[in-house]
Structures are given as C-alpha cells and as structure tokens.
PDB file of N, CA and C in Angstrom:
ATOM      1  N   UNK A   1      -5.218  -5.210 -28.268  1.00  0.00           N
ATOM      2  CA  UNK A   1      -4.997  -4.993 -26.860  1.00  0.00           C
ATOM      3  C   UNK A   1      -6.333  -4.896 -26.148  1.00  0.00           C
ATOM      4  N   UNK A   2      -6.398  -5.512 -24.987  1.00  0.00           N
ATOM      5  CA  UNK A   2      -7.623  -5.515 -24.190  1.00  0.00           C
ATOM      6  C   UNK A   2      -7.476  -4.522 -23.047  1.00  0.00           C
ATOM      7  N   UNK A   3      -8.561  -3.824 -22.754  1.00  0.00           N
ATOM      8  CA  UNK A   3      -8.582  -2.890 -21.636  1.00  0.00           C
ATOM      9  C   UNK A   3      -9.449  -3.476 -20.540  1.00  0.00           C
ATOM     10  N   UNK A   4      -8.925  -3.514 -19.332  1.00  0.00           N
ATOM     11  CA  UNK A   4      -9.676  -4.016 -18.196  1.00  0.00           C
ATOM     12  C   UNK A   4     -10.616  -2.939 -17.688  1.00  0.00           C
ATOM     13  N   UNK A   5     -11.882  -3.298 -17.537  1.00  0.00           N
ATOM     14  CA  UNK A   5     -12.865  -2.385 -16.969  1.00  0.00           C
ATOM     15  C   UNK A   5     -13.400  -3.022 -15.695  1.00  0.00           C
ATOM     16  N   UNK A   6     -13.271  -2.311 -14.604  1.00  0.00           N
ATOM     17  CA  UNK A   6     -13.759  -2.821 -13.328  1.00  0.00           C
ATOM     18  C   UNK A   6     -15.244  -2.535 -13.191  1.00  0.00           C
ATOM     19  N   UNK A   7     -15.987  -3.532 -12.709  1.00  0.00           N
ATOM     20  CA  UNK A   7     -17.423  -3.359 -12.523  1.00  0.00           C
ATOM     21  C   UNK A   7     -17.736  -2.519 -11.297  1.00  0.00           C
ATOM     22  N   UNK A   8     -16.846  -2.572 -10.320  1.00  0.00           N
ATOM     23  CA  UNK A   8     -17.020  -1.791  -9.102  1.00  0.00           C
ATOM     24  C   UNK A   8     -15.643  -1.361  -8.620  1.00  0.00           C
ATOM     25  N   UNK A   9     -15.590  -0.225  -7.974  1.00  0.00           N
ATOM     26  CA  UNK A   9     -14.319   0.250  -7.439  1.00  0.00           C
ATOM     27  C   UNK A   9     -13.834  -0.719  -6.370  1.00  0.00           C
ATOM     28  N   UNK A  10     -12.587  -1.179  -6.477  1.00  0.00           N
ATOM     29  CA  UNK A  10     -12.072  -2.091  -5.459  1.00  0.00           C
ATOM     30  C   UNK A  10     -11.828  -1.341  -4.149  1.00  0.00           C
ATOM     31  N   UNK A  11     -12.359  -1.869  -3.077  1.00  0.00           N
ATOM     32  CA  UNK A  11     -12.248  -1.213  -1.777  1.00  0.00           C
ATOM     33  C   UNK A  11     -11.667  -2.175  -0.747  1.00  0.00           C
ATOM     34  N   UNK A  12     -10.794  -1.655   0.094  1.00  0.00           N
ATOM     35  CA  UNK A  12     -10.179  -2.441   1.155  1.00  0.00           C
ATOM     36  C   UNK A  12     -11.037  -2.387   2.417  1.00  0.00           C
ATOM     37  N   UNK A  13     -10.978  -3.463   3.182  1.00  0.00           N
ATOM     38  CA  UNK A  13     -11.683  -3.496   4.464  1.00  0.00           C
ATOM     39  C   UNK A  13     -10.721  -3.677   5.634  1.00  0.00           C
ATOM     40  N   UNK A  14      -9.611  -4.361   5.395  1.00  0.00           N
ATOM     41  CA  UNK A  14      -8.669  -4.664   6.467  1.00  0.00           C
ATOM     42  C   UNK A  14      -7.262  -4.755   5.891  1.00  0.00           C
ATOM     43  N   UNK A  15      -6.272  -4.387   6.703  1.00  0.00           N
ATOM     44  CA  UNK A  15      -4.874  -4.387   6.283  1.00  0.00           C
ATOM     45  C   UNK A  15      -4.048  -5.136   7.330  1.00  0.00           C
ATOM     46  N   UNK A  16      -3.059  -5.884   6.852  1.00  0.00           N
ATOM     47  CA  UNK A  16      -2.047  -6.485   7.718  1.00  0.00           C
ATOM     48  C   UNK A  16      -0.700  -6.198   7.072  1.00  0.00           C
ATOM     49  N   UNK A  17       0.273  -5.878   7.896  1.00  0.00           N
ATOM     50  CA  UNK A  17       1.628  -5.667   7.397  1.00  0.00           C
ATOM     51  C   UNK A  17       2.555  -6.550   8.208  1.00  0.00           C
ATOM     52  N   UNK A  18       3.223  -7.483   7.518  1.00  0.00           N
ATOM     53  CA  UNK A  18       4.197  -8.334   8.180  1.00  0.00           C
ATOM     54  C   UNK A  18       5.592  -7.820   7.806  1.00  0.00           C
ATOM     55  N   UNK A  19       6.612  -8.536   8.188  1.00  0.00           N
ATOM     56  CA  UNK A  19       7.977  -8.135   7.836  1.00  0.00           C
ATOM     57  C   UNK A  19       8.258  -8.333   6.349  1.00  0.00           C
ATOM     58  N   UNK A  20       7.423  -9.142   5.675  1.00  0.00           N
ATOM     59  CA  UNK A  20       7.669  -9.451   4.268  1.00  0.00           C
ATOM     60  C   UNK A  20       6.538  -9.098   3.332  1.00  0.00           C
ATOM     61  N   UNK A  21       5.308  -8.966   3.826  1.00  0.00           N
ATOM     62  CA  UNK A  21       4.140  -8.800   2.956  1.00  0.00           C
ATOM     63  C   UNK A  21       3.205  -7.699   3.435  1.00  0.00           C
ATOM     64  N   UNK A  22       2.524  -7.116   2.460  1.00  0.00           N
ATOM     65  CA  UNK A  22       1.370  -6.258   2.710  1.00  0.00           C
ATOM     66  C   UNK A  22       0.158  -7.085   2.293  1.00  0.00           C
ATOM     67  N   UNK A  23      -0.768  -7.283   3.203  1.00  0.00           N
ATOM     68  CA  UNK A  23      -1.948  -8.103   2.944  1.00  0.00           C
ATOM     69  C   UNK A  23      -3.171  -7.199   3.052  1.00  0.00           C
ATOM     70  N   UNK A  24      -3.947  -7.154   1.979  1.00  0.00           N
ATOM     71  CA  UNK A  24      -5.098  -6.260   1.920  1.00  0.00           C
ATOM     72  C   UNK A  24      -6.343  -7.090   1.622  1.00  0.00           C
ATOM     73  N   UNK A  25      -7.316  -7.056   2.536  1.00  0.00           N
ATOM     74  CA  UNK A  25      -8.595  -7.731   2.323  1.00  0.00           C
ATOM     75  C   UNK A  25      -9.548  -6.756   1.636  1.00  0.00           C
ATOM     76  N   UNK A  26     -10.225  -7.244   0.606  1.00  0.00           N
ATOM     77  CA  UNK A  26     -11.154  -6.413  -0.163  1.00  0.00           C
ATOM     78  C   UNK A  26     -12.604  -6.726   0.194  1.00  0.00           C
ATOM     79  N   UNK A  27     -13.495  -5.788  -0.097  1.00  0.00           N
ATOM     80  CA  UNK A  27     -14.909  -5.967   0.241  1.00  0.00           C
ATOM     81  C   UNK A  27     -15.535  -7.158  -0.486  1.00  0.00           C
ATOM     82  N   UNK A  28     -14.975  -7.553  -1.629  1.00  0.00           N
ATOM     83  CA  UNK A  28     -15.564  -8.670  -2.380  1.00  0.00           C
ATOM     84  C   UNK A  28     -15.051 -10.030  -1.921  1.00  0.00           C
ATOM     85  N   UNK A  29     -14.249 -10.057  -0.833  1.00  0.00           N
ATOM     86  CA  UNK A  29     -13.784 -11.316  -0.277  1.00  0.00           C
ATOM     87  C   UNK A  29     -12.381 -11.721  -0.693  1.00  0.00           C
ATOM     88  N   UNK A  30     -11.810 -11.050  -1.672  1.00  0.00           N
ATOM     89  CA  UNK A  30     -10.435 -11.373  -2.087  1.00  0.00           C
ATOM     90  C   UNK A  30      -9.444 -10.768  -1.109  1.00  0.00           C
ATOM     91  N   UNK A  31      -8.229 -11.350  -1.109  1.00  0.00           N
ATOM     92  CA  UNK A  31      -7.111 -10.806  -0.358  1.00  0.00           C
ATOM     93  C   UNK A  31      -5.935 -10.652  -1.307  1.00  0.00           C
ATOM     94  N   UNK A  32      -5.280  -9.513  -1.229  1.00  0.00           N
ATOM     95  CA  UNK A  32      -4.097  -9.249  -2.031  1.00  0.00           C
ATOM     96  C   UNK A  32      -2.874  -9.378  -1.139  1.00  0.00           C
ATOM     97  N   UNK A  33      -1.853 -10.060  -1.624  1.00  0.00           N
ATOM     98  CA  UNK A  33      -0.574 -10.173  -0.922  1.00  0.00           C
ATOM     99  C   UNK A  33       0.485  -9.616  -1.849  1.00  0.00           C
ATOM    100  N   UNK A  34       1.186  -8.597  -1.389  1.00  0.00           N
ATOM    101  CA  UNK A  34       2.252  -8.013  -2.203  1.00  0.00           C
ATOM    102  C   UNK A  34       3.524  -7.944  -1.364  1.00  0.00           C
ATOM    103  N   UNK A  35       4.670  -8.076  -2.024  1.00  0.00           N
ATOM    104  CA  UNK A  35       5.927  -8.028  -1.276  1.00  0.00           C
ATOM    105  C   UNK A  35       6.172  -6.637  -0.701  1.00  0.00           C
ATOM    106  N   UNK A  36       6.646  -6.605   0.517  1.00  0.00           N
ATOM    107  CA  UNK A  36       6.880  -5.326   1.184  1.00  0.00           C
ATOM    108  C   UNK A  36       7.976  -4.514   0.492  1.00  0.00           C
ATOM    109  N   UNK A  37       8.911  -5.176  -0.191  1.00  0.00           N
ATOM    110  CA  UNK A  37       9.968  -4.424  -0.862  1.00  0.00           C
ATOM    111  C   UNK A  37       9.425  -3.554  -1.996  1.00  0.00           C
ATOM    112  N   UNK A  38       8.172  -3.747  -2.403  1.00  0.00           N
ATOM    113  CA  UNK A  38       7.550  -2.846  -3.370  1.00  0.00           C
ATOM    114  C   UNK A  38       7.381  -1.449  -2.777  1.00  0.00           C
ATOM    115  N   UNK A  39       7.351  -1.350  -1.464  1.00  0.00           N
ATOM    116  CA  UNK A  39       7.106  -0.084  -0.772  1.00  0.00           C
ATOM    117  C   UNK A  39       8.224   0.145   0.239  1.00  0.00           C
ATOM    118  N   UNK A  40       9.332   0.747  -0.190  1.00  0.00           N
ATOM    119  CA  UNK A  40      10.514   0.904   0.666  1.00  0.00           C
ATOM    120  C   UNK A  40      10.241   1.591   2.004  1.00  0.00           C
ATOM    121  N   UNK A  41       9.339   2.555   2.027  1.00  0.00           N
ATOM    122  CA  UNK A  41       9.052   3.218   3.310  1.00  0.00           C
ATOM    123  C   UNK A  41       8.470   2.222   4.317  1.00  0.00           C
ATOM    124  N   UNK A  42       7.580   1.357   3.849  1.00  0.00           N
ATOM    125  CA  UNK A  42       7.029   0.334   4.738  1.00  0.00           C
ATOM    126  C   UNK A  42       8.094  -0.682   5.120  1.00  0.00           C
ATOM    127  N   UNK A  43       8.932  -1.044   4.175  1.00  0.00           N
ATOM    128  CA  UNK A  43       9.968  -2.025   4.439  1.00  0.00           C
ATOM    129  C   UNK A  43      10.951  -1.533   5.499  1.00  0.00           C
ATOM    130  N   UNK A  44      11.257  -0.249   5.500  1.00  0.00           N
ATOM    131  CA  UNK A  44      12.219   0.310   6.444  1.00  0.00           C
ATOM    132  C   UNK A  44      11.578   0.852   7.722  1.00  0.00           C
ATOM    133  N   UNK A  45      10.268   0.766   7.828  1.00  0.00           N
ATOM    134  CA  UNK A  45       9.557   1.293   8.995  1.00  0.00           C
ATOM    135  C   UNK A  45       9.640   0.330  10.177  1.00  0.00           C
ATOM    136  N   UNK A  46       9.384   0.874  11.347  1.00  0.00           N
ATOM    137  CA  UNK A  46       9.286   0.025  12.544  1.00  0.00           C
ATOM    138  C   UNK A  46       7.934  -0.695  12.520  1.00  0.00           C
ATOM    139  N   UNK A  47       7.813  -1.729  13.338  1.00  0.00           N
ATOM    140  CA  UNK A  47       6.535  -2.440  13.438  1.00  0.00           C
ATOM    141  C   UNK A  47       5.420  -1.485  13.847  1.00  0.00           C
ATOM    142  N   UNK A  48       5.734  -0.607  14.776  1.00  0.00           N
ATOM    143  CA  UNK A  48       4.738   0.364  15.250  1.00  0.00           C
ATOM    144  C   UNK A  48       4.291   1.278  14.108  1.00  0.00           C
ATOM    145  N   UNK A  49       5.215   1.768  13.310  1.00  0.00           N
ATOM    146  CA  UNK A  49       4.863   2.631  12.177  1.00  0.00           C
ATOM    147  C   UNK A  49       4.045   1.876  11.133  1.00  0.00           C
ATOM    148  N   UNK A  50       4.376   0.619  10.897  1.00  0.00           N
ATOM    149  CA  UNK A  50       3.630  -0.186   9.916  1.00  0.00           C
ATOM    150  C   UNK A  50       2.184  -0.398  10.332  1.00  0.00           C
ATOM    151  N   UNK A  51       1.946  -0.443  11.642  1.00  0.00           N
ATOM    152  CA  UNK A  51       0.589  -0.685  12.133  1.00  0.00           C
ATOM    153  C   UNK A  51      -0.237   0.599  12.244  1.00  0.00           C
ATOM    154  N   UNK A  52       0.378   1.726  12.029  1.00  0.00           N
ATOM    155  CA  UNK A  52      -0.309   3.023  12.121  1.00  0.00           C
ATOM    156  C   UNK A  52      -0.863   3.412  10.757  1.00  0.00           C
ATOM    157  N   UNK A  53      -1.886   2.688  10.298  1.00  0.00           N
ATOM    158  CA  UNK A  53      -2.481   2.935   8.995  1.00  0.00           C
ATOM    159  C   UNK A  53      -3.949   3.314   9.153  1.00  0.00           C
ATOM    160  N   UNK A  54      -4.486   3.871   8.097  1.00  0.00           N
ATOM    161  CA  UNK A  54      -5.923   4.145   8.055  1.00  0.00           C
ATOM    162  C   UNK A  54      -6.402   4.025   6.616  1.00  0.00           C
ATOM    163  N   UNK A  55      -7.662   3.653   6.467  1.00  0.00           N
ATOM    164  CA  UNK A  55      -8.264   3.597   5.141  1.00  0.00           C
ATOM    165  C   UNK A  55      -8.767   4.974   4.769  1.00  0.00           C
ATOM    166  N   UNK A  56      -8.586   5.347   3.528  1.00  0.00           N
ATOM    167  CA  UNK A  56      -9.095   6.621   3.033  1.00  0.00           C
ATOM    168  C   UNK A  56     -10.432   6.399   2.346  1.00  0.00           C
ATOM    169  N   UNK A  57     -11.352   7.327   2.565  1.00  0.00           N
ATOM    170  CA  UNK A  57     -12.686   7.199   1.975  1.00  0.00           C
ATOM    171  C   UNK A  57     -13.344   5.908   2.422  1.00  0.00           C
ATOM    172  N   UNK A  58     -13.943   5.219   1.479  1.00  0.00           N
ATOM    173  CA  UNK A  58     -14.591   3.939   1.779  1.00  0.00           C
ATOM    174  C   UNK A  58     -13.617   2.778   1.686  1.00  0.00           C
ATOM    175  N   UNK A  59     -12.314   3.068   1.518  1.00  0.00           N
ATOM    176  CA  UNK A  59     -11.310   2.022   1.410  1.00  0.00           C
ATOM    177  C   UNK A  59     -10.617   2.009   0.060  1.00  0.00           C
ATOM    178  N   UNK A  60     -10.669   3.129  -0.676  1.00  0.00           N
ATOM    179  CA  UNK A  60     -10.041   3.183  -1.999  1.00  0.00           C
ATOM    180  C   UNK A  60      -8.521   3.283  -1.915  1.00  0.00           C
ATOM    181  N   UNK A  61      -8.000   3.624  -0.721  1.00  0.00           N
ATOM    182  CA  UNK A  61      -6.550   3.746  -0.537  1.00  0.00           C
ATOM    183  C   UNK A  61      -6.212   3.544   0.939  1.00  0.00           C
ATOM    184  N   UNK A  62      -4.922   3.292   1.177  1.00  0.00           N
ATOM    185  CA  UNK A  62      -4.402   3.127   2.528  1.00  0.00           C
ATOM    186  C   UNK A  62      -3.380   4.229   2.761  1.00  0.00           C
ATOM    187  N   UNK A  63      -3.404   4.789   3.967  1.00  0.00           N
ATOM    188  CA  UNK A  63      -2.457   5.842   4.316  1.00  0.00           C
ATOM    189  C   UNK A  63      -1.733   5.465   5.602  1.00  0.00           C
ATOM    190  N   UNK A  64      -0.428   5.713   5.602  1.00  0.00           N
ATOM    191  CA  UNK A  64       0.402   5.624   6.799  1.00  0.00           C
ATOM    192  C   UNK A  64       0.875   7.042   7.078  1.00  0.00           C
ATOM    193  N   UNK A  65       0.157   7.796   7.915  1.00  0.00           N
ATOM    194  CA  UNK A  65       0.463   9.217   8.116  1.00  0.00           C
ATOM    195  C   UNK A  65       1.893   9.485   8.585  1.00  0.00           C
ATOM    196  N   UNK A  66       2.411   8.675   9.499  1.00  0.00           N
ATOM    197  CA  UNK A  66       3.747   8.937  10.020  1.00  0.00           C
ATOM    198  C   UNK A  66       4.846   8.640   9.004  1.00  0.00           C
ATOM    199  N   UNK A  67       4.515   7.867   7.967  1.00  0.00           N
ATOM    200  CA  UNK A  67       5.488   7.533   6.925  1.00  0.00           C
ATOM    201  C   UNK A  67       5.282   8.342   5.652  1.00  0.00           C
ATOM    202  N   UNK A  68       4.198   9.124   5.609  1.00  0.00           N
ATOM    203  CA  UNK A  68       3.815   9.856   4.403  1.00  0.00           C
ATOM    204  C   UNK A  68       3.721   8.902   3.212  1.00  0.00           C
ATOM    205  N   UNK A  69       3.081   7.757   3.452  1.00  0.00           N
ATOM    206  CA  UNK A  69       2.900   6.718   2.422  1.00  0.00           C
ATOM    207  C   UNK A  69       1.425   6.556   2.136  1.00  0.00           C
ATOM    208  N   UNK A  70       1.077   6.520   0.842  1.00  0.00           N
ATOM    209  CA  UNK A  70      -0.299   6.343   0.398  1.00  0.00           C
ATOM    210  C   UNK A  70      -0.296   5.304  -0.715  1.00  0.00           C
ATOM    211  N   UNK A  71      -1.142   4.280  -0.580  1.00  0.00           N
ATOM    212  CA  UNK A  71      -1.199   3.224  -1.583  1.00  0.00           C
ATOM    213  C   UNK A  71      -2.651   3.048  -2.014  1.00  0.00           C
ATOM    214  N   UNK A  72      -2.898   3.219  -3.307  1.00  0.00           N
ATOM    215  CA  UNK A  72      -4.226   3.033  -3.861  1.00  0.00           C
ATOM    216  C   UNK A  72      -4.503   1.565  -4.145  1.00  0.00           C
ATOM    217  N   UNK A  73      -5.731   1.144  -3.906  1.00  0.00           N
ATOM    218  CA  UNK A  73      -6.108  -0.253  -4.106  1.00  0.00           C
ATOM    219  C   UNK A  73      -6.087  -0.609  -5.593  1.00  0.00           C
ATOM    220  N   UNK A  74      -6.502   0.293  -6.455  1.00  0.00           N
ATOM    221  CA  UNK A  74      -6.439   0.020  -7.899  1.00  0.00           C
ATOM    222  C   UNK A  74      -5.011  -0.262  -8.337  1.00  0.00           C
ATOM    223  N   UNK A  75      -4.054   0.488  -7.812  1.00  0.00           N
ATOM    224  CA  UNK A  75      -2.649   0.260  -8.136  1.00  0.00           C
ATOM    225  C   UNK A  75      -2.168  -1.104  -7.677  1.00  0.00           C
ATOM    226  N   UNK A  76      -2.615  -1.532  -6.496  1.00  0.00           N
ATOM    227  CA  UNK A  76      -2.259  -2.865  -6.012  1.00  0.00           C
ATOM    228  C   UNK A  76      -2.784  -3.941  -6.953  1.00  0.00           C
ATOM    229  N   UNK A  77      -4.053  -3.783  -7.360  1.00  0.00           N
ATOM    230  CA  UNK A  77      -4.647  -4.757  -8.275  1.00  0.00           C
ATOM    231  C   UNK A  77      -3.932  -4.782  -9.620  1.00  0.00           C
ATOM    232  N   UNK A  78      -3.422  -3.637 -10.038  1.00  0.00           N
ATOM    233  CA  UNK A  78      -2.707  -3.551 -11.312  1.00  0.00           C
ATOM    234  C   UNK A  78      -1.260  -4.022 -11.197  1.00  0.00           C
ATOM    235  N   UNK A  79      -0.810  -4.328  -9.982  1.00  0.00           N
ATOM    236  CA  UNK A  79       0.552  -4.801  -9.791  1.00  0.00           C
ATOM    237  C   UNK A  79       1.598  -3.710  -9.855  1.00  0.00           C
ATOM    238  N   UNK A  80       1.220  -2.500  -9.438  1.00  0.00           N
ATOM    239  CA  UNK A  80       2.143  -1.366  -9.495  1.00  0.00           C
ATOM    240  C   UNK A  80       2.849  -1.160  -8.157  1.00  0.00           C
ATOM    241  N   UNK A  81       4.168  -1.313  -8.133  1.00  0.00           N
ATOM    242  CA  UNK A  81       4.909  -0.997  -6.905  1.00  0.00           C
ATOM    243  C   UNK A  81       5.018   0.516  -6.717  1.00  0.00           C
ATOM    244  N   UNK A  82       5.641   0.925  -5.646  1.00  0.00           N
ATOM    245  CA  UNK A  82       5.817   2.352  -5.358  1.00  0.00           C
ATOM    246  C   UNK A  82       6.462   3.060  -6.542  1.00  0.00           C
ATOM    247  N   UNK A  83       5.992   4.248  -6.832  1.00  0.00           N
ATOM    248  CA  UNK A  83       6.575   5.047  -7.904  1.00  0.00           C
ATOM    249  C   UNK A  83       7.588   6.058  -7.388  1.00  0.00           C
ATOM    250  N   UNK A  84       7.902   5.975  -6.090  1.00  0.00           N
ATOM    251  CA  UNK A  84       8.839   6.932  -5.503  1.00  0.00           C
ATOM    252  C   UNK A  84      10.243   6.718  -6.063  1.00  0.00           C
ATOM    253  N   UNK A  85      10.886   7.799  -6.410  1.00  0.00           N
ATOM    254  CA  UNK A  85      12.244   7.694  -6.939  1.00  0.00           C
ATOM    255  C   UNK A  85      13.216   7.305  -5.825  1.00  0.00           C
ATOM    256  N   UNK A  86      14.316   6.731  -6.205  1.00  0.00           N
ATOM    257  CA  UNK A  86      15.351   6.352  -5.231  1.00  0.00           C
ATOM    258  C   UNK A  86      15.863   7.581  -4.496  1.00  0.00           C
ATOM    259  N   UNK A  87      16.026   8.669  -5.219  1.00  0.00           N
ATOM    260  CA  UNK A  87      16.511   9.915  -4.616  1.00  0.00           C
ATOM    261  C   UNK A  87      15.554  10.426  -3.543  1.00  0.00           C
ATOM    262  N   UNK A  88      14.252  10.409  -3.862  1.00  0.00           N
ATOM    263  CA  UNK A  88      13.245  10.846  -2.904  1.00  0.00           C
ATOM    264  C   UNK A  88      13.252   9.945  -1.668  1.00  0.00           C
ATOM    265  N   UNK A  89      13.335   8.636  -1.892  1.00  0.00           N
ATOM    266  CA  UNK A  89      13.352   7.710  -0.773  1.00  0.00           C
ATOM    267  C   UNK A  89      14.584   7.933   0.095  1.00  0.00           C
ATOM    268  N   UNK A  90      15.734   8.131  -0.508  1.00  0.00           N
ATOM    269  CA  UNK A  90      16.959   8.358   0.258  1.00  0.00           C
ATOM    270  C   UNK A  90      16.893   9.634   1.080  1.00  0.00           C
ATOM    271  N   UNK A  91      16.268  10.694   0.542  1.00  0.00           N
ATOM    272  CA  UNK A  91      16.074  11.921   1.321  1.00  0.00           C
ATOM    273  C   UNK A  91      15.173  11.659   2.519  1.00  0.00           C
ATOM    274  N   UNK A  92      14.092  10.912   2.277  1.00  0.00           N
ATOM    275  CA  UNK A  92      13.165  10.587   3.369  1.00  0.00           C
ATOM    276  C   UNK A  92      13.875   9.758   4.433  1.00  0.00           C
ATOM    277  N   UNK A  93      14.643   8.758   4.003  1.00  0.00           N
ATOM    278  CA  UNK A  93      15.334   7.879   4.924  1.00  0.00           C
ATOM    279  C   UNK A  93      16.352   8.665   5.766  1.00  0.00           C
ATOM    280  N   UNK A  94      17.056   9.587   5.141  1.00  0.00           N
ATOM    281  CA  UNK A  94      18.046  10.400   5.861  1.00  0.00           C
ATOM    282  C   UNK A  94      17.376  11.309   6.891  1.00  0.00           C
ATOM    283  N   UNK A  95      16.162  11.745   6.606  1.00  0.00           N
ATOM    284  CA  UNK A  95      15.447  12.638   7.514  1.00  0.00           C
ATOM    285  C   UNK A  95      14.755  11.889   8.657  1.00  0.00           C
ATOM    286  N   UNK A  96      14.636  10.593   8.528  1.00  0.00           N
ATOM    287  CA  UNK A  96      13.924   9.791   9.542  1.00  0.00           C
ATOM    288  C   UNK A  96      14.743   9.597  10.793  1.00  0.00           C
TER     289      UNK A  96
END
C-alpha cells in the first residue's frame, strides 16, 4: 500500500458554488470540481446562503457560517464527501 505525502498544504484561493458543483481554485493553479450532493447543506441552501462563504486561515478550509458547514481542502483532494449523518442533516433541515 502506498501512502500519499503532500509536499505543501493544499490551500484554496477562490470558491464558486453552482446549483450542481462546488468549484475550488487552489494556490497551485488547480481547480477542484465536486458534486454539490456530496454536501447536503449546500445542496439545500439558497443561492444567497451558498455565496456566503469565507476561507479559514490561509485557505485550508471553507466555511459557510449561516449553514454551519465547514469543508477542508485536504478532504476535497482525498475525495471525501460530507461525513454528516442523515439524522443530523434531517434535524438541521427541520430547524431551517
């Protein structure tokens, strides 16, 4: 088994959220496109809520304060969708 070692911490510089994709531009020039259904809170959010994001630190993660959603860039690179349980998401959705 091979272990991936990153030479530098992946950092985001810009974010776009469409109705279907989360697009993250990285400092090294790459862009990540992931399906929005990986992140149910973003998928069910309004356009205004989706655009209310901020980078944490130097860009190691993205936060949507009004949605209580946090996505790490390393997790995106590793192909990890949201780890939120269905039960937790349903409670959040009912409270929205």
